[in-house]
N, C-alpha and C. Protein backbone atom coordinates (compact mmCIF):
# COMPACT_ATOMS: atom_id res chain seq x y z
N MET A 1 -81.46 -14.81 1.71
CA MET A 1 -80.51 -13.87 2.28
C MET A 1 -80.64 -13.95 3.80
N ASN A 2 -79.53 -14.18 4.46
CA ASN A 2 -79.58 -14.25 5.92
C ASN A 2 -79.41 -12.85 6.51
N ARG A 3 -79.54 -12.79 7.83
CA ARG A 3 -79.50 -11.50 8.52
C ARG A 3 -78.16 -10.78 8.32
N ARG A 4 -77.08 -11.49 8.37
CA ARG A 4 -75.75 -10.89 8.19
C ARG A 4 -75.61 -10.31 6.77
N GLN A 5 -76.07 -11.00 5.76
CA GLN A 5 -76.01 -10.51 4.38
C GLN A 5 -76.90 -9.27 4.22
N LEU A 6 -78.08 -9.30 4.85
CA LEU A 6 -78.99 -8.16 4.78
C LEU A 6 -78.37 -6.91 5.41
N ILE A 7 -77.75 -7.06 6.57
CA ILE A 7 -77.10 -5.92 7.23
C ILE A 7 -75.96 -5.39 6.38
N GLY A 8 -75.18 -6.25 5.79
CA GLY A 8 -74.08 -5.82 4.91
C GLY A 8 -74.60 -5.08 3.69
N TRP A 9 -75.69 -5.60 3.10
CA TRP A 9 -76.27 -4.96 1.92
C TRP A 9 -76.81 -3.57 2.28
N LEU A 10 -77.52 -3.45 3.41
CA LEU A 10 -78.06 -2.15 3.85
C LEU A 10 -76.95 -1.15 4.14
N ALA A 11 -75.88 -1.62 4.75
CA ALA A 11 -74.75 -0.73 5.03
C ALA A 11 -74.14 -0.22 3.73
N GLY A 12 -74.01 -1.09 2.77
CA GLY A 12 -73.46 -0.69 1.47
C GLY A 12 -74.34 0.31 0.75
N VAL A 13 -75.64 0.08 0.80
CA VAL A 13 -76.59 0.99 0.15
C VAL A 13 -76.57 2.35 0.84
N SER A 14 -76.48 2.38 2.16
CA SER A 14 -76.48 3.66 2.88
C SER A 14 -75.21 4.46 2.62
N LEU A 15 -74.11 3.81 2.29
CA LEU A 15 -72.86 4.50 1.98
C LEU A 15 -72.81 4.97 0.54
N LEU A 16 -73.65 4.41 -0.31
CA LEU A 16 -73.62 4.72 -1.73
C LEU A 16 -73.74 6.21 -2.04
N PRO A 17 -74.72 6.94 -1.48
CA PRO A 17 -74.82 8.37 -1.81
C PRO A 17 -73.56 9.16 -1.43
N SER A 18 -72.99 8.90 -0.25
CA SER A 18 -71.80 9.66 0.14
C SER A 18 -70.61 9.29 -0.72
N THR A 19 -70.52 8.02 -1.15
CA THR A 19 -69.43 7.60 -2.03
C THR A 19 -69.57 8.27 -3.39
N VAL A 20 -70.78 8.29 -3.92
CA VAL A 20 -71.02 8.94 -5.22
C VAL A 20 -70.72 10.43 -5.13
N LEU A 21 -71.16 11.07 -4.05
CA LEU A 21 -70.89 12.50 -3.88
C LEU A 21 -69.40 12.76 -3.76
N ALA A 22 -68.69 11.91 -3.04
CA ALA A 22 -67.24 12.09 -2.90
C ALA A 22 -66.54 11.93 -4.24
N GLN A 23 -66.98 10.94 -5.04
CA GLN A 23 -66.38 10.74 -6.36
C GLN A 23 -66.69 11.94 -7.27
N LYS A 24 -67.92 12.44 -7.21
CA LYS A 24 -68.31 13.59 -8.02
C LYS A 24 -67.49 14.82 -7.63
N ALA A 25 -67.34 15.04 -6.32
CA ALA A 25 -66.55 16.19 -5.85
C ALA A 25 -65.10 16.07 -6.28
N ALA A 26 -64.58 14.85 -6.27
CA ALA A 26 -63.18 14.65 -6.66
C ALA A 26 -62.95 14.92 -8.14
N THR A 27 -63.98 14.73 -8.98
CA THR A 27 -63.81 14.94 -10.42
C THR A 27 -64.13 16.36 -10.85
N GLN A 28 -64.82 17.15 -10.00
CA GLN A 28 -65.12 18.53 -10.36
C GLN A 28 -63.86 19.38 -10.23
N LYS A 29 -63.67 20.27 -11.20
CA LYS A 29 -62.51 21.16 -11.16
C LYS A 29 -62.86 22.40 -10.37
N ASP A 30 -61.96 22.80 -9.52
CA ASP A 30 -62.16 23.96 -8.65
C ASP A 30 -61.36 25.14 -9.18
N PRO A 31 -62.01 26.27 -9.51
CA PRO A 31 -61.27 27.43 -10.02
C PRO A 31 -60.21 27.94 -9.05
N LEU A 32 -60.34 27.61 -7.78
CA LEU A 32 -59.38 28.09 -6.80
C LEU A 32 -58.04 27.37 -6.94
N THR A 33 -58.06 26.14 -7.43
CA THR A 33 -56.83 25.36 -7.49
C THR A 33 -56.48 24.87 -8.88
N ASP A 34 -57.40 24.90 -9.81
CA ASP A 34 -57.15 24.36 -11.14
C ASP A 34 -57.11 25.51 -12.15
N SER A 35 -55.92 25.75 -12.69
CA SER A 35 -55.76 26.89 -13.61
C SER A 35 -56.44 26.66 -14.95
N SER A 36 -56.85 25.42 -15.26
CA SER A 36 -57.54 25.19 -16.53
C SER A 36 -59.01 25.59 -16.45
N VAL A 37 -59.53 25.80 -15.26
CA VAL A 37 -60.92 26.22 -15.10
C VAL A 37 -60.98 27.72 -15.31
N ASN A 38 -61.90 28.16 -16.14
CA ASN A 38 -61.98 29.60 -16.38
C ASN A 38 -63.35 30.18 -16.10
N ASP A 39 -64.25 29.43 -15.50
CA ASP A 39 -65.56 29.98 -15.19
C ASP A 39 -65.65 30.33 -13.71
N TRP A 40 -65.09 31.47 -13.38
CA TRP A 40 -65.06 31.94 -12.00
C TRP A 40 -66.44 32.34 -11.51
N THR A 41 -67.39 32.52 -12.41
CA THR A 41 -68.73 32.95 -12.01
C THR A 41 -69.50 31.82 -11.35
N LYS A 42 -68.99 30.62 -11.38
CA LYS A 42 -69.69 29.48 -10.78
C LYS A 42 -69.30 29.25 -9.31
N LEU A 43 -68.38 30.05 -8.79
CA LEU A 43 -68.03 29.92 -7.38
C LEU A 43 -69.22 30.32 -6.51
N THR A 44 -69.42 29.61 -5.43
CA THR A 44 -70.51 29.93 -4.51
C THR A 44 -70.08 31.08 -3.59
N ASP A 45 -71.04 31.67 -2.91
CA ASP A 45 -70.71 32.71 -1.92
C ASP A 45 -69.76 32.17 -0.86
N ALA A 46 -69.99 30.93 -0.43
CA ALA A 46 -69.12 30.34 0.60
C ALA A 46 -67.68 30.21 0.08
N GLN A 47 -67.53 29.83 -1.19
CA GLN A 47 -66.18 29.73 -1.77
C GLN A 47 -65.52 31.10 -1.86
N TRP A 48 -66.30 32.11 -2.25
CA TRP A 48 -65.73 33.47 -2.32
C TRP A 48 -65.34 33.96 -0.92
N GLN A 49 -66.17 33.69 0.06
CA GLN A 49 -65.86 34.12 1.43
C GLN A 49 -64.60 33.43 1.95
N GLN A 50 -64.39 32.20 1.53
CA GLN A 50 -63.18 31.48 1.94
C GLN A 50 -61.95 32.05 1.23
N ARG A 51 -62.11 32.47 0.00
CA ARG A 51 -60.99 32.94 -0.82
C ARG A 51 -60.58 34.37 -0.49
N LEU A 52 -61.54 35.21 -0.13
CA LEU A 52 -61.30 36.64 0.04
C LEU A 52 -61.33 37.06 1.51
N SER A 53 -60.66 38.16 1.81
CA SER A 53 -60.80 38.76 3.14
C SER A 53 -62.21 39.36 3.22
N ARG A 54 -62.64 39.72 4.41
CA ARG A 54 -63.97 40.30 4.59
C ARG A 54 -64.14 41.58 3.76
N SER A 55 -63.14 42.46 3.80
CA SER A 55 -63.25 43.72 3.06
C SER A 55 -63.23 43.46 1.55
N GLN A 56 -62.43 42.50 1.09
CA GLN A 56 -62.43 42.17 -0.34
C GLN A 56 -63.78 41.62 -0.75
N TYR A 57 -64.35 40.76 0.08
CA TYR A 57 -65.66 40.19 -0.23
C TYR A 57 -66.72 41.29 -0.32
N GLU A 58 -66.72 42.21 0.62
CA GLU A 58 -67.70 43.30 0.61
C GLU A 58 -67.63 44.11 -0.67
N VAL A 59 -66.42 44.38 -1.15
CA VAL A 59 -66.28 45.18 -2.37
C VAL A 59 -66.52 44.34 -3.62
N LEU A 60 -65.81 43.24 -3.75
CA LEU A 60 -65.87 42.45 -4.98
C LEU A 60 -67.21 41.75 -5.20
N ARG A 61 -67.81 41.21 -4.15
CA ARG A 61 -69.02 40.41 -4.31
C ARG A 61 -70.29 41.15 -3.92
N GLU A 62 -70.18 42.13 -3.02
CA GLU A 62 -71.38 42.87 -2.58
C GLU A 62 -71.40 44.30 -3.11
N GLU A 63 -70.46 44.65 -3.97
CA GLU A 63 -70.37 45.95 -4.62
C GLU A 63 -70.27 47.09 -3.62
N GLY A 64 -69.51 46.87 -2.56
CA GLY A 64 -69.27 47.91 -1.57
C GLY A 64 -68.17 48.87 -2.03
N THR A 65 -67.88 49.84 -1.18
CA THR A 65 -66.82 50.82 -1.45
C THR A 65 -65.97 50.96 -0.20
N GLU A 66 -64.66 50.84 -0.38
CA GLU A 66 -63.76 51.03 0.76
C GLU A 66 -63.65 52.53 1.08
N PRO A 67 -63.26 52.87 2.31
CA PRO A 67 -63.10 54.29 2.64
C PRO A 67 -61.98 54.94 1.80
N PRO A 68 -62.14 56.21 1.44
CA PRO A 68 -61.08 56.89 0.69
C PRO A 68 -59.80 56.96 1.50
N PHE A 69 -58.68 56.95 0.81
CA PHE A 69 -57.33 57.05 1.39
C PHE A 69 -56.99 55.87 2.31
N SER A 70 -57.71 54.77 2.19
CA SER A 70 -57.44 53.61 3.04
C SER A 70 -56.52 52.58 2.38
N SER A 71 -56.29 52.70 1.08
CA SER A 71 -55.50 51.70 0.37
C SER A 71 -54.04 52.12 0.24
N GLU A 72 -53.15 51.20 0.55
CA GLU A 72 -51.72 51.47 0.36
C GLU A 72 -51.36 51.54 -1.13
N LEU A 73 -52.25 51.08 -1.99
CA LEU A 73 -51.99 51.17 -3.43
C LEU A 73 -52.07 52.61 -3.94
N ASN A 74 -52.66 53.51 -3.16
CA ASN A 74 -52.68 54.92 -3.56
C ASN A 74 -51.26 55.45 -3.77
N ASP A 75 -50.34 54.98 -2.94
CA ASP A 75 -48.96 55.47 -2.99
C ASP A 75 -48.03 54.57 -3.78
N GLU A 76 -48.54 53.53 -4.42
CA GLU A 76 -47.70 52.61 -5.19
C GLU A 76 -47.20 53.31 -6.46
N LYS A 77 -45.87 53.33 -6.63
CA LYS A 77 -45.27 54.04 -7.78
C LYS A 77 -44.44 53.12 -8.68
N ARG A 78 -44.24 51.87 -8.31
CA ARG A 78 -43.39 50.97 -9.09
C ARG A 78 -44.04 50.56 -10.40
N GLU A 79 -43.20 50.10 -11.33
CA GLU A 79 -43.70 49.54 -12.59
C GLU A 79 -44.32 48.19 -12.31
N GLY A 80 -45.38 47.89 -13.02
CA GLY A 80 -46.03 46.60 -12.86
C GLY A 80 -47.45 46.64 -13.36
N ALA A 81 -48.25 45.74 -12.84
CA ALA A 81 -49.65 45.64 -13.24
C ALA A 81 -50.52 45.46 -12.01
N TYR A 82 -51.75 45.90 -12.14
CA TYR A 82 -52.74 45.77 -11.09
C TYR A 82 -53.73 44.68 -11.51
N HIS A 83 -53.80 43.62 -10.70
CA HIS A 83 -54.63 42.47 -11.02
C HIS A 83 -55.88 42.47 -10.14
N CYS A 84 -56.92 41.81 -10.61
CA CYS A 84 -58.13 41.61 -9.82
C CYS A 84 -57.76 40.76 -8.61
N ALA A 85 -58.16 41.19 -7.43
CA ALA A 85 -57.88 40.43 -6.21
C ALA A 85 -58.72 39.16 -6.13
N GLY A 86 -59.75 39.07 -6.94
CA GLY A 86 -60.61 37.89 -6.92
C GLY A 86 -60.07 36.75 -7.75
N CYS A 87 -59.63 37.03 -8.98
CA CYS A 87 -59.22 35.95 -9.88
C CYS A 87 -57.85 36.16 -10.51
N ASP A 88 -57.17 37.25 -10.17
CA ASP A 88 -55.81 37.54 -10.62
C ASP A 88 -55.71 37.95 -12.10
N LEU A 89 -56.80 38.37 -12.71
CA LEU A 89 -56.75 38.86 -14.09
C LEU A 89 -56.10 40.24 -14.09
N PRO A 90 -55.09 40.48 -14.93
CA PRO A 90 -54.51 41.83 -15.03
C PRO A 90 -55.55 42.81 -15.58
N LEU A 91 -55.75 43.93 -14.86
CA LEU A 91 -56.75 44.93 -15.25
C LEU A 91 -56.11 46.22 -15.74
N PHE A 92 -55.02 46.66 -15.08
CA PHE A 92 -54.40 47.95 -15.38
C PHE A 92 -52.88 47.82 -15.42
N GLN A 93 -52.25 48.60 -16.29
CA GLN A 93 -50.79 48.75 -16.29
C GLN A 93 -50.46 49.94 -15.39
N SER A 94 -49.32 49.88 -14.73
CA SER A 94 -48.92 50.99 -13.85
C SER A 94 -48.71 52.29 -14.62
N THR A 95 -48.44 52.19 -15.91
CA THR A 95 -48.22 53.40 -16.71
C THR A 95 -49.50 54.22 -16.89
N THR A 96 -50.66 53.64 -16.59
CA THR A 96 -51.93 54.37 -16.73
C THR A 96 -52.45 54.87 -15.39
N LYS A 97 -51.70 54.65 -14.32
CA LYS A 97 -52.12 55.09 -12.98
C LYS A 97 -51.74 56.56 -12.78
N TYR A 98 -52.60 57.29 -12.09
CA TYR A 98 -52.29 58.69 -11.77
C TYR A 98 -52.97 59.05 -10.46
N ASP A 99 -52.54 60.13 -9.85
CA ASP A 99 -53.11 60.60 -8.60
C ASP A 99 -54.28 61.53 -8.92
N SER A 100 -55.49 61.04 -8.69
CA SER A 100 -56.69 61.83 -8.98
C SER A 100 -57.09 62.72 -7.81
N GLY A 101 -56.48 62.48 -6.64
CA GLY A 101 -56.83 63.25 -5.46
C GLY A 101 -58.11 62.79 -4.79
N THR A 102 -58.70 61.70 -5.28
CA THR A 102 -59.97 61.23 -4.74
C THR A 102 -59.82 60.30 -3.54
N GLY A 103 -58.63 59.73 -3.36
CA GLY A 103 -58.42 58.79 -2.27
C GLY A 103 -58.52 57.33 -2.68
N TRP A 104 -58.75 57.07 -3.96
CA TRP A 104 -58.79 55.71 -4.49
C TRP A 104 -57.79 55.61 -5.63
N PRO A 105 -57.17 54.44 -5.82
CA PRO A 105 -56.29 54.27 -6.98
C PRO A 105 -57.06 54.58 -8.26
N SER A 106 -56.47 55.40 -9.11
CA SER A 106 -57.16 55.81 -10.34
C SER A 106 -56.29 55.56 -11.55
N PHE A 107 -56.93 55.21 -12.65
CA PHE A 107 -56.26 54.87 -13.90
C PHE A 107 -57.01 55.54 -15.04
N TYR A 108 -56.28 55.91 -16.10
CA TYR A 108 -56.99 56.52 -17.23
C TYR A 108 -57.29 55.53 -18.35
N ASP A 109 -56.84 54.28 -18.20
CA ASP A 109 -57.14 53.27 -19.20
C ASP A 109 -57.02 51.88 -18.59
N VAL A 110 -57.71 50.91 -19.18
CA VAL A 110 -57.67 49.52 -18.72
C VAL A 110 -56.97 48.67 -19.78
N ILE A 111 -56.57 47.49 -19.38
CA ILE A 111 -56.05 46.51 -20.33
C ILE A 111 -57.25 46.03 -21.16
N GLU A 112 -57.09 46.02 -22.46
CA GLU A 112 -58.20 45.69 -23.35
C GLU A 112 -58.85 44.36 -22.98
N GLY A 113 -60.18 44.39 -22.85
CA GLY A 113 -60.96 43.20 -22.54
C GLY A 113 -61.00 42.82 -21.07
N ALA A 114 -60.36 43.60 -20.21
CA ALA A 114 -60.24 43.22 -18.79
C ALA A 114 -61.47 43.56 -17.96
N VAL A 115 -62.26 44.54 -18.37
CA VAL A 115 -63.42 44.93 -17.57
C VAL A 115 -64.69 44.98 -18.41
N ASP A 116 -65.80 44.77 -17.74
CA ASP A 116 -67.13 44.93 -18.31
C ASP A 116 -67.80 46.09 -17.57
N THR A 117 -68.65 46.83 -18.25
CA THR A 117 -69.33 47.97 -17.62
C THR A 117 -70.83 47.78 -17.66
N ARG A 118 -71.49 48.50 -16.75
CA ARG A 118 -72.95 48.57 -16.75
C ARG A 118 -73.36 49.85 -16.04
N THR A 119 -74.57 50.27 -16.26
CA THR A 119 -75.07 51.47 -15.61
C THR A 119 -75.55 51.14 -14.21
N ASP A 120 -75.11 51.94 -13.27
CA ASP A 120 -75.44 51.78 -11.85
C ASP A 120 -76.39 52.90 -11.45
N TYR A 121 -77.56 52.56 -10.93
CA TYR A 121 -78.57 53.54 -10.52
C TYR A 121 -78.72 53.61 -9.00
N LYS A 122 -77.71 53.15 -8.24
CA LYS A 122 -77.82 53.13 -6.78
C LYS A 122 -77.91 54.53 -6.19
N LEU A 123 -77.29 55.49 -6.81
CA LEU A 123 -77.43 56.89 -6.39
C LEU A 123 -78.49 57.52 -7.27
N ILE A 124 -78.80 58.76 -7.04
CA ILE A 124 -79.87 59.42 -7.79
C ILE A 124 -79.53 59.51 -9.29
N TRP A 125 -78.28 59.79 -9.63
CA TRP A 125 -77.89 59.90 -11.03
C TRP A 125 -77.18 58.63 -11.47
N PRO A 126 -77.30 58.25 -12.74
CA PRO A 126 -76.66 57.03 -13.23
C PRO A 126 -75.15 57.19 -13.31
N ARG A 127 -74.45 56.13 -12.95
CA ARG A 127 -72.99 56.08 -13.07
C ARG A 127 -72.61 54.82 -13.83
N THR A 128 -71.40 54.81 -14.38
CA THR A 128 -70.91 53.62 -15.07
C THR A 128 -70.05 52.82 -14.10
N GLU A 129 -70.51 51.64 -13.78
CA GLU A 129 -69.83 50.73 -12.87
C GLU A 129 -69.02 49.75 -13.73
N TYR A 130 -67.88 49.31 -13.23
CA TYR A 130 -67.13 48.30 -13.98
C TYR A 130 -66.72 47.15 -13.07
N HIS A 131 -66.67 45.98 -13.70
CA HIS A 131 -66.35 44.72 -13.04
C HIS A 131 -65.25 44.00 -13.80
N CYS A 132 -64.53 43.14 -13.12
CA CYS A 132 -63.56 42.25 -13.76
C CYS A 132 -64.32 41.40 -14.78
N SER A 133 -63.81 41.30 -15.99
CA SER A 133 -64.51 40.55 -17.02
C SER A 133 -64.47 39.05 -16.79
N ARG A 134 -63.54 38.57 -15.96
CA ARG A 134 -63.45 37.12 -15.74
C ARG A 134 -64.32 36.66 -14.57
N CYS A 135 -64.16 37.25 -13.39
CA CYS A 135 -64.90 36.77 -12.21
C CYS A 135 -66.11 37.65 -11.88
N LYS A 136 -66.26 38.74 -12.60
CA LYS A 136 -67.38 39.69 -12.41
C LYS A 136 -67.30 40.42 -11.08
N GLY A 137 -66.13 40.45 -10.44
CA GLY A 137 -65.94 41.17 -9.19
C GLY A 137 -66.01 42.67 -9.41
N HIS A 138 -66.76 43.35 -8.54
CA HIS A 138 -66.91 44.81 -8.61
C HIS A 138 -65.55 45.47 -8.35
N GLN A 139 -65.17 46.41 -9.21
CA GLN A 139 -63.91 47.13 -9.05
C GLN A 139 -64.15 48.58 -8.66
N GLY A 140 -65.05 49.25 -9.34
CA GLY A 140 -65.29 50.66 -9.06
C GLY A 140 -66.20 51.28 -10.11
N HIS A 141 -66.00 52.59 -10.34
CA HIS A 141 -66.79 53.35 -11.31
C HIS A 141 -65.85 54.12 -12.23
N VAL A 142 -66.31 54.36 -13.44
CA VAL A 142 -65.52 55.12 -14.39
C VAL A 142 -66.23 56.45 -14.65
N PHE A 143 -65.44 57.53 -14.65
CA PHE A 143 -65.96 58.88 -14.83
C PHE A 143 -65.24 59.54 -15.99
N GLU A 144 -65.85 60.57 -16.54
CA GLU A 144 -65.28 61.27 -17.69
C GLU A 144 -64.55 62.53 -17.28
N ASP A 145 -63.78 62.46 -16.20
CA ASP A 145 -63.02 63.62 -15.74
C ASP A 145 -61.53 63.29 -15.57
N GLY A 146 -61.06 62.33 -16.34
CA GLY A 146 -59.66 61.90 -16.24
C GLY A 146 -58.75 62.64 -17.20
N PRO A 147 -57.47 62.34 -17.14
CA PRO A 147 -56.48 63.02 -17.99
C PRO A 147 -56.46 62.47 -19.42
N ALA A 148 -55.75 63.17 -20.28
CA ALA A 148 -55.51 62.69 -21.65
C ALA A 148 -54.65 61.43 -21.54
N PRO A 149 -54.70 60.55 -22.43
CA PRO A 149 -55.35 60.65 -23.73
C PRO A 149 -56.81 60.20 -23.76
N THR A 150 -57.31 59.52 -22.71
CA THR A 150 -58.67 58.99 -22.76
C THR A 150 -59.72 59.92 -22.16
N GLY A 151 -59.32 60.76 -21.22
CA GLY A 151 -60.28 61.60 -20.51
C GLY A 151 -61.11 60.83 -19.50
N LEU A 152 -60.73 59.57 -19.24
CA LEU A 152 -61.48 58.74 -18.31
C LEU A 152 -60.74 58.59 -16.98
N ARG A 153 -61.51 58.37 -15.92
CA ARG A 153 -60.94 58.05 -14.61
C ARG A 153 -61.61 56.79 -14.10
N TYR A 154 -60.84 55.71 -14.13
CA TYR A 154 -61.28 54.45 -13.54
C TYR A 154 -60.93 54.54 -12.06
N CYS A 155 -61.94 54.79 -11.25
CA CYS A 155 -61.76 54.98 -9.81
C CYS A 155 -61.97 53.62 -9.15
N ASN A 156 -60.88 53.01 -8.70
CA ASN A 156 -60.89 51.62 -8.26
C ASN A 156 -60.75 51.48 -6.76
N ASN A 157 -61.43 50.52 -6.19
CA ASN A 157 -61.23 50.15 -4.80
C ASN A 157 -59.89 49.43 -4.71
N GLY A 158 -58.99 49.93 -3.86
CA GLY A 158 -57.67 49.32 -3.73
C GLY A 158 -57.74 47.89 -3.23
N VAL A 159 -58.71 47.59 -2.36
CA VAL A 159 -58.84 46.25 -1.81
C VAL A 159 -59.25 45.23 -2.88
N ALA A 160 -59.77 45.70 -4.00
CA ALA A 160 -60.17 44.82 -5.10
C ALA A 160 -59.01 44.53 -6.05
N LEU A 161 -57.84 45.10 -5.76
CA LEU A 161 -56.67 44.94 -6.62
C LEU A 161 -55.52 44.26 -5.90
N ARG A 162 -54.64 43.68 -6.69
CA ARG A 162 -53.37 43.14 -6.21
C ARG A 162 -52.29 43.65 -7.14
N PHE A 163 -51.28 44.32 -6.59
CA PHE A 163 -50.20 44.86 -7.41
C PHE A 163 -49.15 43.78 -7.66
N VAL A 164 -48.76 43.65 -8.92
CA VAL A 164 -47.71 42.70 -9.31
C VAL A 164 -46.58 43.51 -9.93
N PRO A 165 -45.45 43.62 -9.21
CA PRO A 165 -44.33 44.42 -9.75
C PRO A 165 -43.78 43.81 -11.03
N ALA A 166 -43.27 44.68 -11.90
CA ALA A 166 -42.63 44.22 -13.14
C ALA A 166 -41.29 43.58 -12.81
N PHE A 167 -40.89 42.66 -13.64
CA PHE A 167 -39.59 42.01 -13.52
C PHE A 167 -38.57 42.95 -14.16
N THR A 168 -37.62 43.44 -13.38
CA THR A 168 -36.67 44.44 -13.88
C THR A 168 -35.32 43.82 -14.19
N SER A 169 -34.45 44.59 -14.85
CA SER A 169 -33.11 44.09 -15.16
C SER A 169 -32.31 43.86 -13.88
N LYS A 170 -32.60 44.63 -12.82
CA LYS A 170 -31.96 44.40 -11.53
C LYS A 170 -32.34 43.02 -10.99
N ASP A 171 -33.64 42.66 -11.15
CA ASP A 171 -34.09 41.33 -10.74
C ASP A 171 -33.39 40.25 -11.55
N ALA A 172 -33.23 40.49 -12.86
CA ALA A 172 -32.58 39.50 -13.73
C ALA A 172 -31.14 39.29 -13.31
N ALA A 173 -30.44 40.37 -12.95
CA ALA A 173 -29.04 40.25 -12.53
C ALA A 173 -28.93 39.46 -11.23
N SER A 174 -29.85 39.71 -10.30
CA SER A 174 -29.76 39.01 -9.01
C SER A 174 -30.18 37.55 -9.10
N THR A 175 -31.00 37.19 -10.10
CA THR A 175 -31.43 35.80 -10.23
C THR A 175 -30.67 35.06 -11.31
N GLY A 176 -29.85 35.78 -12.09
CA GLY A 176 -29.10 35.16 -13.16
C GLY A 176 -29.90 34.89 -14.41
N LYS A 177 -31.12 35.44 -14.52
CA LYS A 177 -31.94 35.24 -15.70
C LYS A 177 -31.53 36.22 -16.79
N SER A 178 -31.73 35.81 -18.01
CA SER A 178 -31.33 36.65 -19.14
C SER A 178 -32.36 37.72 -19.42
N LYS A 179 -31.97 38.70 -20.26
CA LYS A 179 -32.89 39.78 -20.63
C LYS A 179 -34.07 39.24 -21.43
N SER A 180 -33.91 38.14 -22.18
CA SER A 180 -35.02 37.61 -22.93
C SER A 180 -36.12 37.10 -22.00
N VAL A 181 -35.72 36.54 -20.86
CA VAL A 181 -36.69 36.13 -19.86
C VAL A 181 -37.36 37.35 -19.27
N GLU A 182 -36.60 38.41 -19.05
CA GLU A 182 -37.14 39.65 -18.49
C GLU A 182 -38.23 40.20 -19.40
N MET A 183 -37.99 40.23 -20.69
CA MET A 183 -38.94 40.83 -21.60
C MET A 183 -40.23 40.02 -21.66
N THR A 184 -40.14 38.69 -21.59
CA THR A 184 -41.37 37.89 -21.68
C THR A 184 -42.16 37.92 -20.39
N SER A 185 -41.56 38.31 -19.28
CA SER A 185 -42.30 38.33 -18.03
C SER A 185 -43.14 39.58 -17.84
N LYS A 186 -42.87 40.60 -18.64
CA LYS A 186 -43.70 41.82 -18.55
C LYS A 186 -44.98 41.60 -19.31
N LEU A 187 -46.05 42.27 -18.85
CA LEU A 187 -47.35 42.12 -19.53
C LEU A 187 -47.36 42.81 -20.86
């Protein structure tokens, strides 16, 4: 092997790790862009920080609490659904929202299977904390002082939610879509 061949071989070997890493990265599915990926719990902190605003990150990933009366969702009255701001999983229907007077969006029921709960001991007394069942993002706490029929109050951080308005017949008329399309677009 002459000097020129040796230099070429060394250059090729030194590029091998970066080439392999680039190929591996290209074949990995990213939950941020690939809808077939469903394991949102594998996102790194850096990926979450890139995906979320600072306040969303503090609440969803660090289990913070936004200030009361700071969310514009407190005054949201339209029909629709409230989705997790982290992974877009529908958590609540607008029909279960009510004004609790607490300063946070409140609901008396969740969409079945949408949240997981655990006991939170951060304050002196235990509370029931709930998270999005898909990405495990912190949403808020549930209390037993809500209205009928459940008697529960899911007290949610507004910054952890994204409101998705329902598709109405007015929307169907303006877009030319039929009522059958309208019915399938509602949750």
